[in-house]
Protein backbone atom coordinates (compact mmCIF):
# COMPACT_ATOMS: atom_id res chain seq x y z
CA GLN A 1 -118.79 50.71 118.53
CA VAL A 2 -116.77 50.44 115.44
CA GLN A 3 -113.38 50.67 115.77
CA LEU A 4 -111.23 51.49 112.87
CA VAL A 5 -107.36 51.58 112.59
CA GLU A 6 -105.27 52.16 109.87
CA SER A 7 -101.77 51.25 108.25
CA GLY A 8 -99.91 51.22 104.90
CA GLY A 9 -98.35 55.16 105.38
CA GLY A 10 -94.66 56.11 104.80
CA LEU A 11 -92.44 58.09 103.36
CA VAL A 12 -92.34 58.27 99.40
CA GLN A 13 -90.99 60.31 96.42
CA ALA A 14 -93.01 62.32 94.18
CA GLY A 15 -94.41 60.53 91.17
CA GLY A 16 -94.96 56.72 94.07
CA SER A 17 -97.74 55.78 95.56
CA LEU A 18 -98.20 53.85 98.95
CA ARG A 19 -102.07 51.24 99.34
CA LEU A 20 -103.98 52.18 102.59
CA SER A 21 -105.51 50.17 104.28
CA CYS A 22 -108.19 50.25 107.48
CA ALA A 23 -109.30 47.57 109.05
CA ALA A 24 -112.45 47.44 110.60
CA SER A 25 -114.22 45.63 114.00
CA GLY A 26 -116.53 45.94 116.50
CA ARG A 27 -119.94 45.82 113.89
CA THR A 28 -121.84 44.50 110.69
CA PHE A 29 -119.05 46.31 108.62
CA SER A 30 -121.00 46.14 105.49
CA ASN A 31 -123.81 48.24 107.52
CA TYR A 32 -120.97 51.43 106.09
CA ALA A 33 -119.86 53.49 103.93
CA MET A 34 -116.60 54.57 104.50
CA GLY A 35 -114.53 57.17 104.02
CA TRP A 36 -110.63 59.42 103.87
CA PHE A 37 -110.30 62.31 105.02
CA ARG A 38 -106.80 63.62 105.17
CA GLN A 39 -105.16 66.97 107.23
CA ALA A 40 -101.71 68.43 106.79
CA PRO A 41 -100.34 71.09 109.19
CA GLY A 42 -101.81 73.97 109.96
CA LYS A 43 -104.63 73.25 107.15
CA GLU A 44 -108.25 71.90 108.22
CA ARG A 45 -109.51 68.25 107.60
CA GLU A 46 -110.91 67.53 103.72
CA PHE A 47 -112.41 64.79 102.17
CA VAL A 48 -110.42 62.48 99.95
CA ALA A 49 -113.22 59.69 99.34
CA ALA A 50 -115.90 58.19 99.76
CA ILE A 51 -117.17 54.48 98.92
CA SER A 52 -120.42 52.98 99.94
CA ARG A 53 -122.24 49.88 102.02
CA GLY A 54 -121.17 47.60 98.89
CA GLY A 55 -118.81 49.52 96.93
CA GLY A 56 -121.35 50.23 94.18
CA SER A 57 -120.90 53.83 94.62
CA THR A 58 -118.27 56.32 95.09
CA ARG A 59 -116.63 59.86 95.26
CA SER A 60 -113.25 61.41 95.25
CA ALA A 61 -112.23 65.21 95.85
CA ASP A 62 -111.30 66.67 92.76
CA SER A 63 -107.50 67.22 94.09
CA VAL A 64 -106.91 63.35 93.83
CA LYS A 65 -109.90 62.48 91.60
CA GLY A 66 -107.57 60.23 87.97
CA ARG A 67 -104.95 59.53 90.61
CA PHE A 68 -106.54 58.10 93.81
CA THR A 69 -108.83 55.20 94.55
CA ILE A 70 -110.96 53.90 97.19
CA SER A 71 -112.47 50.33 97.19
CA ARG A 72 -113.50 48.37 100.29
CA ASP A 73 -113.03 44.03 100.64
CA ASN A 74 -116.18 43.34 102.67
CA ALA A 75 -115.43 39.98 103.54
CA LYS A 76 -112.02 41.00 104.80
CA ASN A 77 -113.73 44.55 106.87
CA THR A 78 -111.45 46.01 104.57
CA VAL A 79 -111.04 49.43 102.85
CA TYR A 80 -108.51 50.72 100.75
CA LEU A 81 -106.89 53.88 99.24
CA GLN A 82 -104.78 53.65 96.38
CA MET A 83 -102.71 56.60 95.55
CA ASN A 84 -100.68 56.69 92.85
CA SER A 85 -98.87 59.68 91.62
CA LEU A 86 -98.83 61.27 94.83
CA LYS A 87 -97.15 64.81 94.49
CA PRO A 88 -95.81 66.55 97.81
CA GLU A 89 -99.02 68.14 98.62
CA ASP A 90 -100.75 65.12 99.32
CA THR A 91 -98.24 65.21 102.29
CA ALA A 92 -100.61 64.64 105.32
CA VAL A 93 -102.29 62.43 107.92
CA TYR A 94 -105.11 60.34 106.65
CA TYR A 95 -107.52 59.32 109.07
CA CYS A 96 -110.64 56.89 107.29
CA ALA A 97 -114.18 57.34 108.95
CA ALA A 98 -117.31 54.79 108.97
CA ARG A 99 -121.18 56.23 109.32
CA TYR A 100 -123.62 53.90 109.38
CA GLU A 101 -125.23 53.47 106.24
CA ALA A 102 -125.74 56.40 103.86
CA ILE A 103 -122.50 57.46 101.81
CA ALA A 104 -121.67 61.55 102.66
CA TYR A 105 -119.06 63.09 102.39
CA VAL A 106 -118.82 65.43 105.48
CA GLY A 107 -116.72 65.06 107.84
CA THR A 108 -119.19 66.17 110.22
CA ARG A 109 -121.16 63.00 108.57
CA PHE A 110 -119.13 60.60 109.70
CA ASP A 111 -119.26 58.71 113.66
CA TYR A 112 -116.12 56.86 114.03
CA TRP A 113 -112.52 57.30 112.84
CA GLY A 114 -108.95 55.59 113.26
CA GLN A 115 -105.83 57.17 114.84
CA GLY A 116 -104.75 58.42 110.98
CA THR A 117 -101.70 57.42 109.57
CA GLN A 118 -98.95 59.49 107.96
CA VAL A 119 -98.09 60.11 104.74
CA ILE A 120 -94.70 62.18 103.42
CA VAL A 121 -94.27 62.61 99.63
CA SER A 122 -90.99 64.28 99.32
CA SER A 123 -90.19 66.24 96.14
């Protein structure tokens, strides 16, 4: 089992920044690719960004490209999502997820999920 705990969400004005963190425990963190997803009220969960086990490969959704950056620190068992130039449409609950070995970009391919952290961007 892998336990994931997100933090760093909150209320921010449009144009502002937040950094989300996801702390992992339970298994060898570096064996897992990590991803961030989000779900806005009334909408389906959507992919935000993903990072490979070693951090050498990343991918972001077109909607956040150039504004959000995913990174990880395997020594700290933590994955981050730096969010800049936030927009009201970025308002959602953000979830981190872990997938054993291979990087993926679809939620159903991830094995473990955190409880989520709320991000609200005011206009």
